[in-house]
Amino acid sequence: MREDLTGRRYGRLTVCREIKQAEKSRRHYWLCRCDCGKEKTVEESHLKTGHTKSCGCYRKDLPSSRRIDLTGRQFGRLKVLEEADNSNRTGEYWKCVCSCGRLIEASKESLCAGKTKSCGCLQAETRKKNMKKAIHFVGGTCLERIANQKNTANNTSGYRGVYQRENSRWRAAIGFQGKVYNLGTFVNLEDAVAARKKAEEELYEPFLREHGVKAVQKGGI
């Protein structure tokens, strides 16, 4: 049987009644009346641990010497304008203006800890930049890899997909959509390179055009 907190006092709060929640909810909330007359819904664990002791008036009554004034301070792209109305929530919130012009309210903890640095525009810009840098795979093929036609460091023939076999002949191959295609074995390097380039024109170039990607460098790979 659950404990009934009705009538108990926690700091400046007197518990009035329990707030009904969904049956599957693991959290329990209580309606409390503060000594100043305001009512506030508080999570049960916050009452028992002393995390919440009033509707917010207790913090306002603290001597100014014990509180940090963030007015005018800069946190990333945010400049603090003034303290927000904290009467109906736990914690200390401040009104801020972002460099993009948007106004938001952020908690003192998130500002001072560096967790909130903008109105959200910084995260959006970062995601956009990361998406541009991300490697895109389509149908098992990396678009950036086939678009970048520069030689790899371990390439010895001077052309990607062309290598010399033990019998001194040249073999050409190409990988596409998770498969490797053998293009043949040739006596001359030039013939192997020609076979590789033809395969690129037939496989890579239409694929890149379809997805709006341009080859970085045309030539042997």
N, C-alpha and C. Protein backbone atom coordinates (compact mmCIF):
# COMPACT_ATOMS: atom_id res chain seq x y z
N MET A 1 0.84 -1.20 0.00
CA MET A 1 0.00 0.00 0.00
C MET A 1 0.88 1.24 0.00
N ARG A 2 0.56 2.20 -0.86
CA ARG A 2 1.38 3.40 -1.00
C ARG A 2 1.16 4.35 0.16
N GLU A 3 2.19 5.13 0.45
CA GLU A 3 2.16 6.09 1.55
C GLU A 3 1.32 7.31 1.17
N ASP A 4 0.46 7.75 2.09
CA ASP A 4 -0.38 8.92 1.87
C ASP A 4 0.32 10.14 2.46
N LEU A 5 0.64 11.10 1.61
CA LEU A 5 1.37 12.29 2.06
C LEU A 5 0.44 13.45 2.41
N THR A 6 -0.85 13.25 2.27
CA THR A 6 -1.82 14.33 2.51
C THR A 6 -1.63 14.93 3.90
N GLY A 7 -1.54 16.26 3.96
CA GLY A 7 -1.40 16.97 5.23
C GLY A 7 0.03 17.18 5.67
N ARG A 8 0.96 16.49 5.07
CA ARG A 8 2.37 16.63 5.47
C ARG A 8 2.96 17.94 4.93
N ARG A 9 3.98 18.41 5.65
CA ARG A 9 4.65 19.64 5.24
C ARG A 9 6.07 19.32 4.77
N TYR A 10 6.45 19.96 3.70
CA TYR A 10 7.80 19.85 3.16
C TYR A 10 8.27 21.28 2.86
N GLY A 11 9.07 21.81 3.77
CA GLY A 11 9.49 23.20 3.62
C GLY A 11 8.30 24.12 3.78
N ARG A 12 8.00 24.90 2.77
CA ARG A 12 6.86 25.81 2.80
C ARG A 12 5.60 25.18 2.20
N LEU A 13 5.70 23.93 1.77
CA LEU A 13 4.60 23.28 1.08
C LEU A 13 3.81 22.35 2.00
N THR A 14 2.49 22.43 1.89
CA THR A 14 1.60 21.51 2.58
C THR A 14 0.89 20.67 1.52
N VAL A 15 0.95 19.35 1.66
CA VAL A 15 0.37 18.46 0.66
C VAL A 15 -1.15 18.45 0.81
N CYS A 16 -1.85 18.73 -0.29
CA CYS A 16 -3.32 18.75 -0.29
C CYS A 16 -3.91 17.41 -0.72
N ARG A 17 -3.49 16.93 -1.88
CA ARG A 17 -4.02 15.66 -2.39
C ARG A 17 -3.13 15.14 -3.50
N GLU A 18 -3.31 13.85 -3.81
CA GLU A 18 -2.54 13.23 -4.89
C GLU A 18 -3.19 13.54 -6.24
N ILE A 19 -2.35 13.75 -7.23
CA ILE A 19 -2.83 13.98 -8.59
C ILE A 19 -2.83 12.65 -9.32
N LYS A 20 -3.98 12.26 -9.84
CA LYS A 20 -4.08 10.97 -10.51
C LYS A 20 -3.30 10.98 -11.82
N GLN A 21 -2.53 9.91 -12.05
CA GLN A 21 -1.74 9.75 -13.27
C GLN A 21 -2.18 8.48 -13.99
N ALA A 22 -1.65 8.28 -15.16
CA ALA A 22 -1.96 7.05 -15.91
C ALA A 22 -1.50 5.85 -15.10
N GLU A 23 -2.22 4.74 -15.25
CA GLU A 23 -1.93 3.54 -14.46
C GLU A 23 -0.50 3.05 -14.62
N LYS A 24 0.05 3.19 -15.83
CA LYS A 24 1.40 2.69 -16.09
C LYS A 24 2.48 3.66 -15.64
N SER A 25 2.09 4.86 -15.22
CA SER A 25 3.08 5.86 -14.82
C SER A 25 3.76 5.45 -13.51
N ARG A 26 5.08 5.54 -13.49
CA ARG A 26 5.85 5.18 -12.29
C ARG A 26 6.06 6.39 -11.38
N ARG A 27 5.75 7.56 -11.87
CA ARG A 27 5.92 8.77 -11.07
C ARG A 27 4.60 9.17 -10.44
N HIS A 28 4.70 9.75 -9.24
CA HIS A 28 3.51 10.17 -8.50
C HIS A 28 3.63 11.65 -8.16
N TYR A 29 2.53 12.37 -8.37
CA TYR A 29 2.53 13.81 -8.16
C TYR A 29 1.48 14.19 -7.12
N TRP A 30 1.78 15.29 -6.39
CA TRP A 30 0.89 15.77 -5.35
C TRP A 30 0.63 17.26 -5.52
N LEU A 31 -0.62 17.64 -5.27
CA LEU A 31 -0.96 19.05 -5.29
C LEU A 31 -0.64 19.63 -3.92
N CYS A 32 0.16 20.67 -3.91
CA CYS A 32 0.60 21.27 -2.65
C CYS A 32 0.23 22.75 -2.61
N ARG A 33 0.02 23.25 -1.38
CA ARG A 33 -0.23 24.68 -1.20
C ARG A 33 0.95 25.29 -0.45
N CYS A 34 1.48 26.35 -1.04
CA CYS A 34 2.63 27.03 -0.45
C CYS A 34 2.16 28.01 0.62
N ASP A 35 3.04 28.36 1.54
CA ASP A 35 2.70 29.31 2.59
C ASP A 35 2.31 30.67 2.03
N CYS A 36 2.77 30.96 0.80
CA CYS A 36 2.43 32.25 0.19
C CYS A 36 1.04 32.22 -0.43
N GLY A 37 0.41 31.04 -0.46
CA GLY A 37 -0.94 30.92 -0.99
C GLY A 37 -1.04 30.27 -2.36
N LYS A 38 0.07 30.14 -3.06
CA LYS A 38 0.04 29.55 -4.39
C LYS A 38 0.03 28.03 -4.31
N GLU A 39 -0.62 27.41 -5.31
CA GLU A 39 -0.64 25.95 -5.40
C GLU A 39 0.36 25.49 -6.45
N LYS A 40 0.93 24.33 -6.20
CA LYS A 40 1.96 23.80 -7.11
C LYS A 40 1.89 22.29 -7.12
N THR A 41 1.97 21.69 -8.30
CA THR A 41 2.03 20.24 -8.43
C THR A 41 3.49 19.80 -8.38
N VAL A 42 3.79 18.89 -7.48
CA VAL A 42 5.18 18.49 -7.25
C VAL A 42 5.30 16.97 -7.32
N GLU A 43 6.38 16.51 -7.92
CA GLU A 43 6.65 15.08 -7.96
C GLU A 43 6.99 14.58 -6.55
N GLU A 44 6.50 13.41 -6.21
CA GLU A 44 6.66 12.87 -4.86
C GLU A 44 8.13 12.78 -4.44
N SER A 45 8.98 12.33 -5.34
CA SER A 45 10.40 12.19 -5.00
C SER A 45 11.04 13.53 -4.70
N HIS A 46 10.58 14.60 -5.36
CA HIS A 46 11.13 15.93 -5.11
C HIS A 46 10.74 16.45 -3.74
N LEU A 47 9.57 16.05 -3.27
CA LEU A 47 9.16 16.43 -1.92
C LEU A 47 10.00 15.72 -0.87
N LYS A 48 10.14 14.42 -1.02
CA LYS A 48 10.84 13.62 -0.02
C LYS A 48 12.33 13.91 0.05
N THR A 49 12.92 14.25 -1.08
CA THR A 49 14.37 14.52 -1.08
C THR A 49 14.69 15.97 -0.74
N GLY A 50 13.65 16.81 -0.65
CA GLY A 50 13.90 18.21 -0.34
C GLY A 50 14.27 19.04 -1.54
N HIS A 51 14.13 18.45 -2.72
CA HIS A 51 14.47 19.18 -3.94
C HIS A 51 13.53 20.37 -4.15
N THR A 52 12.26 20.20 -3.80
CA THR A 52 11.28 21.28 -3.93
C THR A 52 10.72 21.60 -2.56
N LYS A 53 10.90 22.86 -2.13
CA LYS A 53 10.48 23.27 -0.80
C LYS A 53 9.42 24.36 -0.82
N SER A 54 9.16 24.90 -2.00
CA SER A 54 8.18 25.98 -2.11
C SER A 54 7.68 26.06 -3.54
N CYS A 55 6.80 27.03 -3.80
CA CYS A 55 6.31 27.24 -5.16
C CYS A 55 7.33 27.96 -6.01
N GLY A 56 8.41 28.39 -5.37
CA GLY A 56 9.44 29.18 -6.04
C GLY A 56 9.75 30.45 -5.28
N CYS A 57 8.88 30.77 -4.32
CA CYS A 57 9.06 32.00 -3.55
C CYS A 57 10.25 31.91 -2.60
N TYR A 58 10.57 30.69 -2.16
CA TYR A 58 11.70 30.52 -1.23
C TYR A 58 12.99 31.00 -1.87
N ARG A 59 13.18 30.63 -3.13
CA ARG A 59 14.41 31.03 -3.81
C ARG A 59 14.47 32.54 -3.97
N LYS A 60 13.31 33.16 -4.25
CA LYS A 60 13.27 34.61 -4.43
C LYS A 60 13.55 35.35 -3.13
N ASP A 61 13.23 34.70 -2.00
CA ASP A 61 13.44 35.35 -0.70
C ASP A 61 14.87 35.22 -0.21
N LEU A 62 15.68 34.40 -0.88
CA LEU A 62 17.07 34.25 -0.46
C LEU A 62 17.80 35.58 -0.61
N PRO A 63 18.76 35.85 0.26
CA PRO A 63 19.55 37.09 0.13
C PRO A 63 20.21 37.15 -1.24
N SER A 64 20.22 38.33 -1.82
CA SER A 64 20.80 38.48 -3.16
C SER A 64 22.26 38.07 -3.20
N SER A 65 22.94 38.11 -2.06
CA SER A 65 24.35 37.74 -2.02
C SER A 65 24.55 36.26 -2.29
N ARG A 66 23.49 35.46 -2.07
CA ARG A 66 23.59 34.02 -2.27
C ARG A 66 23.18 33.61 -3.68
N ARG A 67 22.70 34.56 -4.47
CA ARG A 67 22.25 34.26 -5.82
C ARG A 67 23.16 34.90 -6.84
N ILE A 68 23.28 34.25 -8.00
CA ILE A 68 24.14 34.76 -9.07
C ILE A 68 23.27 35.48 -10.09
N ASP A 69 23.61 36.72 -10.36
CA ASP A 69 22.88 37.50 -11.35
C ASP A 69 23.54 37.28 -12.71
N LEU A 70 22.80 36.68 -13.63
CA LEU A 70 23.34 36.37 -14.95
C LEU A 70 23.05 37.46 -15.98
N THR A 71 22.35 38.51 -15.58
CA THR A 71 21.97 39.57 -16.51
C THR A 71 23.19 40.13 -17.25
N GLY A 72 23.09 40.15 -18.58
CA GLY A 72 24.17 40.71 -19.40
C GLY A 72 25.25 39.73 -19.78
N ARG A 73 25.26 38.56 -19.15
CA ARG A 73 26.31 37.58 -19.44
C ARG A 73 26.04 36.87 -20.77
N GLN A 74 27.12 36.43 -21.40
CA GLN A 74 27.04 35.76 -22.69
C GLN A 74 27.34 34.28 -22.52
N PHE A 75 26.50 33.43 -23.07
CA PHE A 75 26.71 31.98 -23.04
C PHE A 75 26.56 31.47 -24.47
N GLY A 76 27.69 31.29 -25.14
CA GLY A 76 27.64 30.88 -26.53
C GLY A 76 27.01 31.98 -27.37
N ARG A 77 25.90 31.66 -28.02
CA ARG A 77 25.19 32.65 -28.83
C ARG A 77 24.12 33.39 -28.04
N LEU A 78 23.97 33.02 -26.78
CA LEU A 78 22.90 33.59 -25.96
C LEU A 78 23.39 34.71 -25.05
N LYS A 79 22.64 35.80 -25.02
CA LYS A 79 22.90 36.89 -24.09
C LYS A 79 21.73 36.97 -23.13
N VAL A 80 22.02 36.95 -21.82
CA VAL A 80 20.98 36.96 -20.81
C VAL A 80 20.39 38.36 -20.66
N LEU A 81 19.06 38.44 -20.74
CA LEU A 81 18.37 39.73 -20.62
C LEU A 81 17.91 40.00 -19.20
N GLU A 82 17.18 39.04 -18.64
CA GLU A 82 16.64 39.21 -17.29
C GLU A 82 16.16 37.86 -16.78
N GLU A 83 15.84 37.82 -15.49
CA GLU A 83 15.33 36.59 -14.91
C GLU A 83 13.90 36.36 -15.36
N ALA A 84 13.58 35.11 -15.63
CA ALA A 84 12.23 34.75 -16.09
C ALA A 84 11.32 34.50 -14.89
N ASP A 85 10.05 34.32 -15.15
CA ASP A 85 9.08 34.00 -14.11
C ASP A 85 9.25 32.53 -13.74
N ASN A 86 9.70 32.28 -12.53
CA ASN A 86 9.98 30.91 -12.10
C ASN A 86 8.96 30.39 -11.09
N SER A 87 7.84 31.07 -10.95
CA SER A 87 6.89 30.72 -9.90
C SER A 87 6.24 29.36 -10.11
N ASN A 88 6.10 28.93 -11.37
CA ASN A 88 5.39 27.67 -11.64
C ASN A 88 6.30 26.55 -12.10
N ARG A 89 7.57 26.62 -11.79
CA ARG A 89 8.49 25.55 -12.18
C ARG A 89 9.65 25.47 -11.22
N THR A 90 10.30 24.32 -11.26
CA THR A 90 11.44 24.08 -10.40
C THR A 90 12.71 24.58 -11.08
N GLY A 91 13.55 25.24 -10.33
CA GLY A 91 14.80 25.73 -10.89
C GLY A 91 14.74 27.20 -11.22
N GLU A 92 15.86 27.70 -11.69
CA GLU A 92 16.01 29.13 -11.98
C GLU A 92 16.18 29.33 -13.48
N TYR A 93 15.28 30.05 -14.09
CA TYR A 93 15.30 30.26 -15.54
C TYR A 93 15.53 31.74 -15.87
N TRP A 94 16.19 31.95 -17.02
CA TRP A 94 16.53 33.31 -17.45
C TRP A 94 16.10 33.53 -18.89
N LYS A 95 15.63 34.76 -19.16
CA LYS A 95 15.28 35.13 -20.53
C LYS A 95 16.56 35.50 -21.28
N CYS A 96 16.71 34.93 -22.47
CA CYS A 96 17.92 35.17 -23.27
C CYS A 96 17.54 35.51 -24.70
N VAL A 97 18.42 36.23 -25.35
CA VAL A 97 18.25 36.51 -26.78
C VAL A 97 19.41 35.86 -27.52
N CYS A 98 19.07 35.12 -28.56
CA CYS A 98 20.09 34.43 -29.36
C CYS A 98 20.63 35.40 -30.41
N SER A 99 21.82 35.12 -30.90
CA SER A 99 22.43 35.98 -31.92
C SER A 99 21.60 36.01 -33.20
N CYS A 100 20.74 35.00 -33.39
CA CYS A 100 19.86 34.98 -34.56
C CYS A 100 18.61 35.84 -34.35
N GLY A 101 18.43 36.33 -33.10
CA GLY A 101 17.30 37.20 -32.80
C GLY A 101 16.17 36.56 -32.04
N ARG A 102 16.20 35.26 -31.89
CA ARG A 102 15.10 34.55 -31.22
C ARG A 102 15.24 34.65 -29.70
N LEU A 103 14.10 34.79 -29.01
CA LEU A 103 14.08 34.85 -27.55
C LEU A 103 13.74 33.48 -26.98
N ILE A 104 14.46 33.08 -25.95
CA ILE A 104 14.17 31.81 -25.28
C ILE A 104 14.35 31.98 -23.78
N GLU A 105 13.91 30.97 -23.03
CA GLU A 105 14.16 30.91 -21.60
C GLU A 105 14.98 29.65 -21.34
N ALA A 106 16.05 29.79 -20.59
CA ALA A 106 16.95 28.67 -20.31
C ALA A 106 17.27 28.63 -18.83
N SER A 107 17.49 27.42 -18.31
CA SER A 107 17.80 27.28 -16.89
C SER A 107 19.22 27.73 -16.60
N LYS A 108 19.43 28.19 -15.38
CA LYS A 108 20.76 28.63 -14.96
C LYS A 108 21.75 27.48 -15.07
N GLU A 109 21.30 26.28 -14.69
CA GLU A 109 22.19 25.12 -14.72
C GLU A 109 22.66 24.81 -16.13
N SER A 110 21.74 24.83 -17.09
CA SER A 110 22.11 24.49 -18.47
C SER A 110 23.00 25.56 -19.08
N LEU A 111 22.79 26.81 -18.71
CA LEU A 111 23.63 27.90 -19.23
C LEU A 111 25.04 27.80 -18.67
N CYS A 112 25.14 27.68 -17.36
CA CYS A 112 26.45 27.66 -16.71
C CYS A 112 27.24 26.40 -17.03
N ALA A 113 26.53 25.30 -17.30
CA ALA A 113 27.21 24.04 -17.62
C ALA A 113 27.57 23.95 -19.10
N GLY A 114 27.13 24.92 -19.89
CA GLY A 114 27.44 24.90 -21.32
C GLY A 114 26.55 23.99 -22.13
N LYS A 115 25.44 23.53 -21.53
CA LYS A 115 24.54 22.63 -22.25
C LYS A 115 23.64 23.39 -23.22
N THR A 116 23.33 24.64 -22.90
CA THR A 116 22.51 25.47 -23.78
C THR A 116 23.35 26.64 -24.27
N LYS A 117 23.61 26.68 -25.58
CA LYS A 117 24.46 27.72 -26.15
C LYS A 117 23.76 28.55 -27.21
N SER A 118 22.54 28.14 -27.56
CA SER A 118 21.78 28.87 -28.58
C SER A 118 20.31 28.54 -28.42
N CYS A 119 19.49 29.13 -29.29
CA CYS A 119 18.06 28.84 -29.26
C CYS A 119 17.75 27.50 -29.90
N GLY A 120 18.78 26.90 -30.48
CA GLY A 120 18.62 25.65 -31.23
C GLY A 120 19.21 25.77 -32.62
N CYS A 121 19.50 27.02 -33.02
CA CYS A 121 20.04 27.24 -34.37
C CYS A 121 21.45 26.67 -34.52
N LEU A 122 22.22 26.67 -33.42
CA LEU A 122 23.58 26.14 -33.49
C LEU A 122 23.55 24.64 -33.76
N GLN A 123 22.66 23.92 -33.08
CA GLN A 123 22.54 22.48 -33.31
C GLN A 123 22.08 22.19 -34.73
N ALA A 124 21.15 23.01 -35.23
CA ALA A 124 20.65 22.81 -36.59
C ALA A 124 21.76 23.01 -37.61
N GLU A 125 22.59 24.03 -37.40
CA GLU A 125 23.69 24.29 -38.32
C GLU A 125 24.73 23.18 -38.25
N THR A 126 24.99 22.69 -37.03
CA THR A 126 25.96 21.62 -36.86
C THR A 126 25.50 20.35 -37.54
N ARG A 127 24.19 20.03 -37.39
CA ARG A 127 23.65 18.84 -38.05
C ARG A 127 23.76 18.96 -39.57
N LYS A 128 23.49 20.16 -40.08
CA LYS A 128 23.55 20.39 -41.52
C LYS A 128 24.97 20.18 -42.03
N LYS A 129 25.96 20.69 -41.28
CA LYS A 129 27.36 20.53 -41.68
C LYS A 129 27.77 19.06 -41.63
N ASN A 130 27.33 18.37 -40.58
CA ASN A 130 27.68 16.95 -40.45
C ASN A 130 27.06 16.12 -41.55
N MET A 131 25.86 16.50 -41.97
CA MET A 131 25.20 15.76 -43.06
C MET A 131 25.98 15.91 -44.36
N LYS A 132 26.55 17.11 -44.56
CA LYS A 132 27.33 17.34 -45.77
C LYS A 132 28.61 16.51 -45.76
N LYS A 133 29.15 16.31 -44.53
CA LYS A 133 30.40 15.57 -44.42
C LYS A 133 30.17 14.05 -44.37
N ALA A 134 28.95 13.66 -44.10
CA ALA A 134 28.65 12.24 -43.90
C ALA A 134 28.86 11.44 -45.18
N ILE A 135 29.24 10.20 -44.98
CA ILE A 135 29.40 9.28 -46.10
C ILE A 135 28.03 8.70 -46.44
N HIS A 136 27.63 8.83 -47.69
CA HIS A 136 26.31 8.37 -48.10
C HIS A 136 26.42 7.06 -48.88
N PHE A 137 25.73 6.04 -48.38
CA PHE A 137 25.66 4.76 -49.05
C PHE A 137 24.29 4.60 -49.69
N VAL A 138 24.27 4.26 -50.94
CA VAL A 138 23.02 3.99 -51.66
C VAL A 138 23.16 2.65 -52.35
N GLY A 139 22.31 1.72 -51.98
CA GLY A 139 22.37 0.40 -52.60
C GLY A 139 23.70 -0.29 -52.41
N GLY A 140 24.32 -0.07 -51.23
CA GLY A 140 25.61 -0.71 -50.96
C GLY A 140 26.79 -0.02 -51.60
N THR A 141 26.57 1.15 -52.20
CA THR A 141 27.65 1.89 -52.87
C THR A 141 27.85 3.23 -52.19
N CYS A 142 29.10 3.56 -51.87
CA CYS A 142 29.44 4.83 -51.27
C CYS A 142 29.58 5.88 -52.36
N LEU A 143 28.68 6.86 -52.36
CA LEU A 143 28.70 7.89 -53.40
C LEU A 143 30.00 8.68 -53.40
N GLU A 144 30.48 9.04 -52.20
CA GLU A 144 31.71 9.82 -52.12
C GLU A 144 32.91 9.06 -52.67
N ARG A 145 32.93 7.76 -52.42
CA ARG A 145 34.09 6.96 -52.83
C ARG A 145 34.17 6.85 -54.36
N ILE A 146 33.05 6.60 -55.01
CA ILE A 146 33.12 6.46 -56.47
C ILE A 146 33.23 7.82 -57.15
N ALA A 147 32.82 8.89 -56.44
CA ALA A 147 32.96 10.23 -57.02
C ALA A 147 34.39 10.73 -56.92
N ASN A 148 35.09 10.30 -55.85
CA ASN A 148 36.48 10.70 -55.67
C ASN A 148 37.37 9.76 -56.47
N GLN A 149 37.86 10.20 -57.59
CA GLN A 149 38.60 9.33 -58.50
C GLN A 149 40.11 9.42 -58.31
N LYS A 150 40.53 9.82 -57.13
CA LYS A 150 41.97 9.89 -56.86
C LYS A 150 42.49 8.50 -56.50
N ASN A 151 43.77 8.28 -56.78
CA ASN A 151 44.38 6.99 -56.48
C ASN A 151 44.50 6.78 -54.99
N THR A 152 44.41 5.53 -54.57
CA THR A 152 44.64 5.19 -53.18
C THR A 152 46.13 5.08 -52.92
N ALA A 153 46.52 5.13 -51.64
CA ALA A 153 47.94 5.14 -51.29
C ALA A 153 48.65 3.86 -51.69
N ASN A 154 47.94 2.73 -51.66
CA ASN A 154 48.58 1.44 -51.96
C ASN A 154 48.46 1.05 -53.43
N ASN A 155 48.01 1.97 -54.28
CA ASN A 155 47.86 1.68 -55.70
C ASN A 155 49.22 1.73 -56.39
N THR A 156 49.54 0.70 -57.16
CA THR A 156 50.86 0.62 -57.82
C THR A 156 50.78 0.81 -59.33
N SER A 157 49.58 0.70 -59.89
CA SER A 157 49.45 0.82 -61.35
C SER A 157 49.25 2.26 -61.80
N GLY A 158 48.80 3.11 -60.86
CA GLY A 158 48.49 4.47 -61.23
C GLY A 158 47.02 4.65 -61.57
N TYR A 159 46.28 3.53 -61.59
CA TYR A 159 44.85 3.58 -61.91
C TYR A 159 44.09 2.70 -60.92
N ARG A 160 43.08 3.26 -60.35
CA ARG A 160 42.30 2.51 -59.38
C ARG A 160 41.55 1.38 -60.06
N GLY A 161 41.56 0.21 -59.43
CA GLY A 161 40.87 -0.94 -60.00
C GLY A 161 41.68 -1.70 -61.01
N VAL A 162 42.94 -1.30 -61.19
CA VAL A 162 43.83 -2.00 -62.13
C VAL A 162 45.09 -2.40 -61.39
N TYR A 163 45.44 -3.68 -61.45
CA TYR A 163 46.66 -4.13 -60.76
C TYR A 163 47.34 -5.23 -61.58
N GLN A 164 48.61 -5.41 -61.29
CA GLN A 164 49.42 -6.36 -62.04
C GLN A 164 49.45 -7.70 -61.33
N ARG A 165 49.22 -8.77 -62.09
CA ARG A 165 49.23 -10.11 -61.53
C ARG A 165 50.65 -10.67 -61.54
N GLU A 166 50.82 -11.84 -60.93
CA GLU A 166 52.14 -12.45 -60.84
C GLU A 166 52.72 -12.80 -62.20
N ASN A 167 51.86 -13.04 -63.17
CA ASN A 167 52.33 -13.39 -64.52
C ASN A 167 52.59 -12.15 -65.37
N SER A 168 52.66 -10.99 -64.69
CA SER A 168 52.96 -9.70 -65.32
C SER A 168 51.81 -9.16 -66.18
N ARG A 169 50.71 -9.86 -66.21
CA ARG A 169 49.54 -9.34 -66.93
C ARG A 169 48.77 -8.38 -66.02
N TRP A 170 47.92 -7.57 -66.64
CA TRP A 170 47.16 -6.57 -65.90
C TRP A 170 45.69 -6.99 -65.79
N ARG A 171 45.19 -6.90 -64.59
CA ARG A 171 43.79 -7.25 -64.37
C ARG A 171 43.01 -5.99 -64.00
N ALA A 172 41.80 -5.87 -64.54
CA ALA A 172 40.91 -4.74 -64.24
C ALA A 172 39.64 -5.25 -63.57
N ALA A 173 39.19 -4.53 -62.55
CA ALA A 173 37.97 -4.91 -61.83
C ALA A 173 37.29 -3.64 -61.33
N ILE A 174 36.02 -3.77 -61.01
CA ILE A 174 35.27 -2.62 -60.50
C ILE A 174 34.22 -3.11 -59.51
N GLY A 175 34.05 -2.35 -58.43
CA GLY A 175 33.06 -2.70 -57.42
C GLY A 175 31.86 -1.78 -57.52
N PHE A 176 30.66 -2.36 -57.42
CA PHE A 176 29.45 -1.54 -57.54
C PHE A 176 28.28 -2.24 -56.85
N GLN A 177 27.64 -1.52 -55.96
CA GLN A 177 26.46 -2.01 -55.24
C GLN A 177 26.70 -3.37 -54.58
N GLY A 178 27.81 -3.45 -53.89
CA GLY A 178 28.12 -4.64 -53.10
C GLY A 178 28.71 -5.80 -53.87
N LYS A 179 28.96 -5.62 -55.17
CA LYS A 179 29.52 -6.70 -55.98
C LYS A 179 30.81 -6.24 -56.65
N VAL A 180 31.70 -7.19 -56.92
CA VAL A 180 32.94 -6.90 -57.64
C VAL A 180 32.87 -7.58 -59.00
N TYR A 181 33.09 -6.80 -60.05
CA TYR A 181 33.02 -7.32 -61.41
C TYR A 181 34.43 -7.43 -61.99
N ASN A 182 34.77 -8.64 -62.48
CA ASN A 182 36.06 -8.85 -63.13
C ASN A 182 35.94 -8.40 -64.59
N LEU A 183 36.75 -7.43 -64.97
CA LEU A 183 36.67 -6.86 -66.32
C LEU A 183 37.62 -7.51 -67.30
N GLY A 184 38.44 -8.43 -66.79
CA GLY A 184 39.34 -9.14 -67.69
C GLY A 184 40.81 -8.97 -67.34
N THR A 185 41.64 -9.80 -67.98
CA THR A 185 43.10 -9.74 -67.81
C THR A 185 43.72 -9.35 -69.14
N PHE A 186 44.67 -8.42 -69.10
CA PHE A 186 45.22 -7.84 -70.33
C PHE A 186 46.75 -7.86 -70.31
N VAL A 187 47.32 -7.95 -71.51
CA VAL A 187 48.78 -7.91 -71.64
C VAL A 187 49.28 -6.49 -71.41
N ASN A 188 48.57 -5.52 -71.95
CA ASN A 188 48.98 -4.13 -71.85
C ASN A 188 48.19 -3.38 -70.77
N LEU A 189 48.88 -2.52 -70.05
CA LEU A 189 48.24 -1.69 -69.02
C LEU A 189 47.17 -0.81 -69.63
N GLU A 190 47.44 -0.26 -70.82
CA GLU A 190 46.49 0.65 -71.45
C GLU A 190 45.13 -0.01 -71.70
N ASP A 191 45.17 -1.29 -72.08
CA ASP A 191 43.91 -2.00 -72.35
C ASP A 191 43.12 -2.22 -71.06
N ALA A 192 43.85 -2.52 -69.98
CA ALA A 192 43.18 -2.72 -68.68
C ALA A 192 42.55 -1.42 -68.20
N VAL A 193 43.27 -0.31 -68.40
CA VAL A 193 42.75 1.00 -67.99
C VAL A 193 41.52 1.36 -68.82
N ALA A 194 41.56 1.07 -70.11
CA ALA A 194 40.43 1.37 -70.98
C ALA A 194 39.19 0.59 -70.55
N ALA A 195 39.39 -0.66 -70.15
CA ALA A 195 38.26 -1.49 -69.69
C ALA A 195 37.67 -0.93 -68.40
N ARG A 196 38.56 -0.47 -67.53
CA ARG A 196 38.10 0.11 -66.26
C ARG A 196 37.31 1.40 -66.51
N LYS A 197 37.82 2.26 -67.37
CA LYS A 197 37.15 3.53 -67.65
C LYS A 197 35.79 3.31 -68.30
N LYS A 198 35.71 2.32 -69.17
CA LYS A 198 34.44 2.02 -69.82
C LYS A 198 33.41 1.57 -68.79
N ALA A 199 33.87 0.76 -67.84
CA ALA A 199 32.97 0.28 -66.78
C ALA A 199 32.50 1.44 -65.90
N GLU A 200 33.40 2.39 -65.64
CA GLU A 200 33.02 3.57 -64.85
C GLU A 200 31.95 4.38 -65.57
N GLU A 201 32.13 4.54 -66.87
CA GLU A 201 31.16 5.31 -67.66
C GLU A 201 29.79 4.64 -67.67
N GLU A 202 29.79 3.31 -67.66
CA GLU A 202 28.53 2.58 -67.73
C GLU A 202 27.86 2.42 -66.37
N LEU A 203 28.67 2.33 -65.30
CA LEU A 203 28.12 2.09 -63.97
C LEU A 203 28.11 3.34 -63.09
N TYR A 204 29.27 3.96 -62.93
CA TYR A 204 29.41 5.06 -61.98
C TYR A 204 28.72 6.35 -62.44
N GLU A 205 29.02 6.76 -63.66
CA GLU A 205 28.56 8.08 -64.10
C GLU A 205 27.04 8.23 -64.10
N PRO A 206 26.27 7.26 -64.61
CA PRO A 206 24.80 7.39 -64.53
C PRO A 206 24.30 7.39 -63.08
N PHE A 207 24.96 6.60 -62.25
CA PHE A 207 24.58 6.50 -60.84
C PHE A 207 24.82 7.82 -60.12
N LEU A 208 25.96 8.45 -60.38
CA LEU A 208 26.28 9.73 -59.76
C LEU A 208 25.33 10.82 -60.24
N ARG A 209 25.03 10.83 -61.54
CA ARG A 209 24.11 11.83 -62.08
C ARG A 209 22.72 11.69 -61.45
N GLU A 210 22.31 10.46 -61.26
CA GLU A 210 20.99 10.20 -60.69
C GLU A 210 20.86 10.79 -59.29
N HIS A 211 21.98 10.79 -58.54
CA HIS A 211 21.95 11.28 -57.16
C HIS A 211 22.57 12.67 -57.03
N GLY A 212 22.80 13.32 -58.15
CA GLY A 212 23.27 14.70 -58.12
C GLY A 212 24.66 14.89 -57.56
N VAL A 213 25.55 13.92 -57.79
CA VAL A 213 26.92 14.00 -57.29
C VAL A 213 27.87 14.10 -58.47
N LYS A 214 28.85 15.00 -58.36
CA LYS A 214 29.83 15.17 -59.42
C LYS A 214 31.14 14.50 -59.04
N ALA A 215 31.82 13.95 -60.04
CA ALA A 215 33.12 13.33 -59.81
C ALA A 215 34.12 14.41 -59.44
N VAL A 216 34.97 14.10 -58.44
CA VAL A 216 35.95 15.07 -57.96
C VAL A 216 37.05 15.29 -58.98
N GLN A 217 37.53 14.19 -59.56
CA GLN A 217 38.64 14.29 -60.51
C GLN A 217 38.48 13.23 -61.58
N LYS A 218 38.46 13.62 -62.81
CA LYS A 218 38.33 12.66 -63.90
C LYS A 218 39.70 12.11 -64.24
N GLY A 219 39.76 10.81 -64.48
CA GLY A 219 41.04 10.20 -64.81
C GLY A 219 41.14 8.84 -64.19
N GLY A 220 42.33 8.29 -64.16
CA GLY A 220 42.51 6.95 -63.62
C GLY A 220 42.28 6.91 -62.15
N ILE A 221 41.69 5.81 -61.67
CA ILE A 221 41.48 5.64 -60.24
C ILE A 221 41.89 4.26 -59.81
